[in-house]
Amino acid sequence: MSRFGETPLDPKAIGLRLIRYDNKNRAHFCEPVTFTRGYAAVDTVLRRARLSGRVEVEGEILNHQADVLTGHDGEWSQVIALDAKSYGALKNHWMRCKVEAVE
């Protein structure tokens, strides 16, 4: 089982949803991304993002995070703490996704 920080990644993981907080502490959610290979794919993209920066399960959230999705209905089980570089690697390279419209 993969480890990022001190906590193992949930074996039921099937996807991720990225979230970025701006300087006014408003959350900007990206569309959820699920993987057909489930846990193996989530583990792979997080390992790749870790080459760019911080990736830590249940770590302290500063400005970037990812929710670990365990169901196609948006159900999540863990939070991954990221930094700007690992967030950018995920969003723009390993799991391209769009930021949802803010109302």
N, C-alpha and C. Protein backbone atom coordinates (compact mmCIF):
# COMPACT_ATOMS: atom_id res chain seq x y z
N MET A 1 0.84 -1.18 0.00
CA MET A 1 0.00 0.00 0.00
C MET A 1 0.89 1.24 0.00
N SER A 2 0.52 2.19 -0.81
CA SER A 2 1.30 3.42 -0.96
C SER A 2 1.20 4.29 0.28
N ARG A 3 2.27 5.00 0.56
CA ARG A 3 2.28 5.93 1.68
C ARG A 3 2.74 7.30 1.20
N PHE A 4 1.98 8.29 1.57
CA PHE A 4 2.33 9.68 1.29
C PHE A 4 2.24 10.37 2.65
N GLY A 5 3.35 10.67 3.26
CA GLY A 5 3.35 11.17 4.62
C GLY A 5 3.24 9.97 5.55
N GLU A 6 2.52 10.11 6.65
CA GLU A 6 2.40 9.04 7.64
C GLU A 6 1.16 8.17 7.46
N THR A 7 0.24 8.58 6.59
CA THR A 7 -1.03 7.88 6.43
C THR A 7 -1.09 7.19 5.08
N PRO A 8 -1.52 5.92 5.03
CA PRO A 8 -1.64 5.24 3.73
C PRO A 8 -2.82 5.77 2.92
N LEU A 9 -2.71 5.69 1.63
CA LEU A 9 -3.78 6.06 0.72
C LEU A 9 -4.91 5.04 0.82
N ASP A 10 -6.15 5.51 0.84
CA ASP A 10 -7.33 4.64 0.94
C ASP A 10 -7.36 3.65 -0.23
N PRO A 11 -7.42 2.35 0.03
CA PRO A 11 -7.43 1.36 -1.05
C PRO A 11 -8.70 1.39 -1.90
N LYS A 12 -9.73 2.11 -1.45
CA LYS A 12 -10.96 2.24 -2.23
C LYS A 12 -10.94 3.45 -3.16
N ALA A 13 -9.80 4.14 -3.23
CA ALA A 13 -9.68 5.35 -4.06
C ALA A 13 -9.93 5.03 -5.53
N ILE A 14 -10.77 5.88 -6.16
CA ILE A 14 -11.01 5.72 -7.61
C ILE A 14 -10.74 7.02 -8.37
N GLY A 15 -10.49 8.13 -7.64
CA GLY A 15 -10.27 9.39 -8.32
C GLY A 15 -9.87 10.49 -7.35
N LEU A 16 -9.73 11.70 -7.91
CA LEU A 16 -9.34 12.87 -7.14
C LEU A 16 -10.14 14.08 -7.57
N ARG A 17 -10.31 15.01 -6.65
CA ARG A 17 -10.90 16.31 -6.96
C ARG A 17 -9.98 17.38 -6.37
N LEU A 18 -9.42 18.21 -7.23
CA LEU A 18 -8.49 19.25 -6.80
C LEU A 18 -9.23 20.49 -6.30
N ILE A 19 -8.66 21.13 -5.29
CA ILE A 19 -9.22 22.35 -4.72
C ILE A 19 -8.07 23.32 -4.44
N ARG A 20 -8.27 24.57 -4.82
CA ARG A 20 -7.28 25.63 -4.57
C ARG A 20 -7.97 26.75 -3.81
N TYR A 21 -7.29 27.30 -2.82
CA TYR A 21 -7.82 28.43 -2.04
C TYR A 21 -7.10 29.70 -2.46
N ASP A 22 -7.87 30.75 -2.76
CA ASP A 22 -7.25 32.01 -3.15
C ASP A 22 -6.88 32.82 -1.91
N ASN A 23 -6.37 34.04 -2.13
CA ASN A 23 -5.90 34.86 -1.00
C ASN A 23 -7.03 35.37 -0.11
N LYS A 24 -8.28 35.23 -0.54
CA LYS A 24 -9.44 35.58 0.29
C LYS A 24 -10.06 34.33 0.90
N ASN A 25 -9.33 33.21 0.83
CA ASN A 25 -9.73 31.92 1.39
C ASN A 25 -11.00 31.35 0.74
N ARG A 26 -11.25 31.72 -0.54
CA ARG A 26 -12.36 31.14 -1.28
C ARG A 26 -11.86 29.88 -1.97
N ALA A 27 -12.67 28.83 -1.93
CA ALA A 27 -12.30 27.56 -2.54
C ALA A 27 -12.68 27.56 -4.02
N HIS A 28 -11.76 27.11 -4.86
CA HIS A 28 -11.99 26.94 -6.29
C HIS A 28 -11.86 25.46 -6.59
N PHE A 29 -13.00 24.82 -6.89
CA PHE A 29 -13.05 23.38 -7.10
C PHE A 29 -12.83 23.04 -8.57
N CYS A 30 -12.05 22.00 -8.82
CA CYS A 30 -11.92 21.46 -10.17
C CYS A 30 -12.95 20.34 -10.33
N GLU A 31 -13.25 20.03 -11.58
CA GLU A 31 -14.16 18.91 -11.83
C GLU A 31 -13.51 17.63 -11.31
N PRO A 32 -14.31 16.70 -10.77
CA PRO A 32 -13.74 15.44 -10.28
C PRO A 32 -13.22 14.59 -11.43
N VAL A 33 -12.14 13.87 -11.17
CA VAL A 33 -11.56 12.98 -12.16
C VAL A 33 -11.52 11.58 -11.56
N THR A 34 -12.16 10.61 -12.24
CA THR A 34 -12.09 9.23 -11.81
C THR A 34 -11.30 8.43 -12.83
N PHE A 35 -10.69 7.36 -12.37
CA PHE A 35 -9.82 6.54 -13.20
C PHE A 35 -10.38 5.13 -13.33
N THR A 36 -10.34 4.57 -14.53
CA THR A 36 -10.84 3.21 -14.73
C THR A 36 -10.00 2.19 -13.97
N ARG A 37 -8.72 2.49 -13.75
CA ARG A 37 -7.85 1.58 -13.00
C ARG A 37 -7.90 1.84 -11.49
N GLY A 38 -8.76 2.75 -11.04
CA GLY A 38 -8.99 2.98 -9.62
C GLY A 38 -7.75 3.32 -8.82
N TYR A 39 -7.56 2.56 -7.73
CA TYR A 39 -6.47 2.82 -6.78
C TYR A 39 -5.11 2.90 -7.46
N ALA A 40 -4.83 1.96 -8.36
CA ALA A 40 -3.51 1.93 -9.01
C ALA A 40 -3.24 3.24 -9.75
N ALA A 41 -4.24 3.78 -10.42
CA ALA A 41 -4.07 5.03 -11.17
C ALA A 41 -3.93 6.23 -10.22
N VAL A 42 -4.73 6.26 -9.17
CA VAL A 42 -4.62 7.35 -8.19
C VAL A 42 -3.23 7.35 -7.57
N ASP A 43 -2.77 6.18 -7.16
CA ASP A 43 -1.44 6.04 -6.58
C ASP A 43 -0.37 6.53 -7.56
N THR A 44 -0.50 6.16 -8.83
CA THR A 44 0.48 6.55 -9.85
C THR A 44 0.53 8.06 -10.05
N VAL A 45 -0.63 8.71 -10.20
CA VAL A 45 -0.61 10.16 -10.44
C VAL A 45 -0.10 10.92 -9.21
N LEU A 46 -0.40 10.42 -8.00
CA LEU A 46 0.13 11.08 -6.81
C LEU A 46 1.64 10.90 -6.69
N ARG A 47 2.14 9.75 -7.06
CA ARG A 47 3.60 9.54 -7.05
C ARG A 47 4.27 10.48 -8.06
N ARG A 48 3.66 10.64 -9.22
CA ARG A 48 4.22 11.53 -10.23
C ARG A 48 4.18 12.99 -9.76
N ALA A 49 3.08 13.38 -9.12
CA ALA A 49 2.97 14.74 -8.60
C ALA A 49 4.01 15.00 -7.51
N ARG A 50 4.33 13.96 -6.75
CA ARG A 50 5.30 14.11 -5.67
C ARG A 50 6.69 14.44 -6.21
N LEU A 51 6.96 14.10 -7.46
CA LEU A 51 8.23 14.48 -8.07
C LEU A 51 8.33 16.00 -8.23
N SER A 52 7.17 16.67 -8.30
CA SER A 52 7.14 18.13 -8.50
C SER A 52 7.06 18.90 -7.19
N GLY A 53 6.51 18.28 -6.14
CA GLY A 53 6.31 19.02 -4.90
C GLY A 53 5.72 18.17 -3.81
N ARG A 54 5.03 18.82 -2.89
CA ARG A 54 4.49 18.18 -1.69
C ARG A 54 3.20 17.42 -2.00
N VAL A 55 3.13 16.18 -1.54
CA VAL A 55 1.93 15.34 -1.62
C VAL A 55 1.88 14.57 -0.30
N GLU A 56 0.88 14.88 0.54
CA GLU A 56 0.83 14.28 1.87
C GLU A 56 -0.61 13.98 2.26
N VAL A 57 -0.91 12.69 2.50
CA VAL A 57 -2.24 12.28 2.93
C VAL A 57 -2.50 12.83 4.33
N GLU A 58 -3.64 13.51 4.48
CA GLU A 58 -4.07 14.09 5.76
C GLU A 58 -3.05 15.09 6.32
N GLY A 59 -2.26 15.72 5.45
CA GLY A 59 -1.30 16.73 5.89
C GLY A 59 -1.97 18.08 6.10
N GLU A 60 -1.20 19.03 6.57
CA GLU A 60 -1.73 20.37 6.81
C GLU A 60 -2.04 21.06 5.47
N ILE A 61 -3.27 21.54 5.33
CA ILE A 61 -3.71 22.21 4.11
C ILE A 61 -3.31 23.68 4.18
N LEU A 62 -2.57 24.13 3.17
CA LEU A 62 -2.23 25.54 3.09
C LEU A 62 -3.10 26.20 2.02
N ASN A 63 -2.79 26.03 0.75
CA ASN A 63 -3.58 26.64 -0.32
C ASN A 63 -4.08 25.65 -1.36
N HIS A 64 -3.62 24.40 -1.30
CA HIS A 64 -3.97 23.42 -2.33
C HIS A 64 -4.24 22.07 -1.68
N GLN A 65 -5.23 21.37 -2.22
CA GLN A 65 -5.55 20.05 -1.71
C GLN A 65 -6.24 19.22 -2.78
N ALA A 66 -6.35 17.93 -2.52
CA ALA A 66 -7.12 17.04 -3.37
C ALA A 66 -7.94 16.13 -2.47
N ASP A 67 -9.22 15.99 -2.78
CA ASP A 67 -10.05 15.02 -2.07
C ASP A 67 -9.91 13.68 -2.77
N VAL A 68 -9.76 12.61 -2.00
CA VAL A 68 -9.67 11.26 -2.56
C VAL A 68 -11.09 10.74 -2.72
N LEU A 69 -11.50 10.52 -3.96
CA LEU A 69 -12.86 10.05 -4.25
C LEU A 69 -12.93 8.53 -4.12
N THR A 70 -14.00 8.06 -3.47
CA THR A 70 -14.22 6.62 -3.31
C THR A 70 -15.51 6.16 -3.96
N GLY A 71 -16.27 7.08 -4.52
CA GLY A 71 -17.52 6.74 -5.20
C GLY A 71 -17.78 7.70 -6.34
N HIS A 72 -18.55 7.27 -7.32
CA HIS A 72 -18.84 8.11 -8.48
C HIS A 72 -19.84 9.22 -8.16
N ASP A 73 -20.41 9.20 -6.97
CA ASP A 73 -21.38 10.22 -6.56
C ASP A 73 -20.71 11.37 -5.80
N GLY A 74 -19.38 11.45 -5.87
CA GLY A 74 -18.65 12.53 -5.18
C GLY A 74 -18.24 12.18 -3.77
N GLU A 75 -18.51 10.96 -3.33
CA GLU A 75 -18.13 10.54 -1.99
C GLU A 75 -16.60 10.51 -1.88
N TRP A 76 -16.09 11.07 -0.79
CA TRP A 76 -14.64 11.11 -0.60
C TRP A 76 -14.29 10.63 0.80
N SER A 77 -13.02 10.21 0.97
CA SER A 77 -12.63 9.62 2.24
C SER A 77 -11.41 10.29 2.89
N GLN A 78 -10.55 10.90 2.09
CA GLN A 78 -9.32 11.50 2.62
C GLN A 78 -9.04 12.81 1.91
N VAL A 79 -8.13 13.57 2.52
CA VAL A 79 -7.67 14.81 1.91
C VAL A 79 -6.17 14.71 1.73
N ILE A 80 -5.70 15.10 0.54
CA ILE A 80 -4.28 15.11 0.23
C ILE A 80 -3.82 16.57 0.24
N ALA A 81 -2.83 16.89 1.08
CA ALA A 81 -2.25 18.23 1.10
C ALA A 81 -1.25 18.34 -0.05
N LEU A 82 -1.36 19.43 -0.81
CA LEU A 82 -0.48 19.67 -1.95
C LEU A 82 0.16 21.05 -1.81
N ASP A 83 1.18 21.29 -2.61
CA ASP A 83 1.69 22.65 -2.76
C ASP A 83 1.38 23.10 -4.19
N ALA A 84 1.75 24.31 -4.54
CA ALA A 84 1.40 24.85 -5.85
C ALA A 84 1.99 24.03 -6.99
N LYS A 85 3.20 23.52 -6.83
CA LYS A 85 3.84 22.77 -7.91
C LYS A 85 3.20 21.40 -8.12
N SER A 86 2.90 20.68 -7.05
CA SER A 86 2.27 19.37 -7.21
C SER A 86 0.83 19.53 -7.71
N TYR A 87 0.13 20.57 -7.24
CA TYR A 87 -1.22 20.86 -7.73
C TYR A 87 -1.18 21.14 -9.24
N GLY A 88 -0.23 21.97 -9.67
CA GLY A 88 -0.09 22.29 -11.08
C GLY A 88 0.24 21.07 -11.93
N ALA A 89 1.10 20.20 -11.41
CA ALA A 89 1.46 18.98 -12.15
C ALA A 89 0.23 18.10 -12.34
N LEU A 90 -0.58 17.98 -11.30
CA LEU A 90 -1.81 17.17 -11.41
C LEU A 90 -2.79 17.83 -12.37
N LYS A 91 -3.10 19.10 -12.14
CA LYS A 91 -4.13 19.78 -12.91
C LYS A 91 -3.78 19.93 -14.39
N ASN A 92 -2.55 20.24 -14.67
CA ASN A 92 -2.18 20.57 -16.05
C ASN A 92 -1.48 19.45 -16.81
N HIS A 93 -1.14 18.36 -16.13
CA HIS A 93 -0.41 17.31 -16.83
C HIS A 93 -0.97 15.90 -16.58
N TRP A 94 -0.98 15.45 -15.34
CA TRP A 94 -1.30 14.05 -15.05
C TRP A 94 -2.79 13.75 -15.03
N MET A 95 -3.63 14.72 -14.76
CA MET A 95 -5.09 14.50 -14.76
C MET A 95 -5.78 15.79 -15.16
N ARG A 96 -5.55 16.23 -16.36
CA ARG A 96 -6.10 17.51 -16.83
C ARG A 96 -7.57 17.65 -16.45
N CYS A 97 -7.88 18.79 -15.86
CA CYS A 97 -9.26 19.06 -15.46
C CYS A 97 -9.48 20.56 -15.46
N LYS A 98 -10.74 20.94 -15.51
CA LYS A 98 -11.11 22.35 -15.53
C LYS A 98 -11.61 22.78 -14.15
N VAL A 99 -11.43 24.06 -13.86
CA VAL A 99 -11.99 24.64 -12.65
C VAL A 99 -13.46 24.87 -12.90
N GLU A 100 -14.31 24.45 -11.95
CA GLU A 100 -15.74 24.66 -12.09
C GLU A 100 -16.08 26.13 -11.90
N ALA A 101 -17.13 26.58 -12.52
CA ALA A 101 -17.56 27.98 -12.42
C ALA A 101 -17.91 28.33 -10.99
N VAL A 102 -17.46 29.50 -10.55
CA VAL A 102 -17.75 29.99 -9.22
C VAL A 102 -18.96 30.89 -9.30
N GLU A 103 -19.94 30.67 -8.44
CA GLU A 103 -21.16 31.48 -8.48
C GLU A 103 -21.09 32.60 -7.49
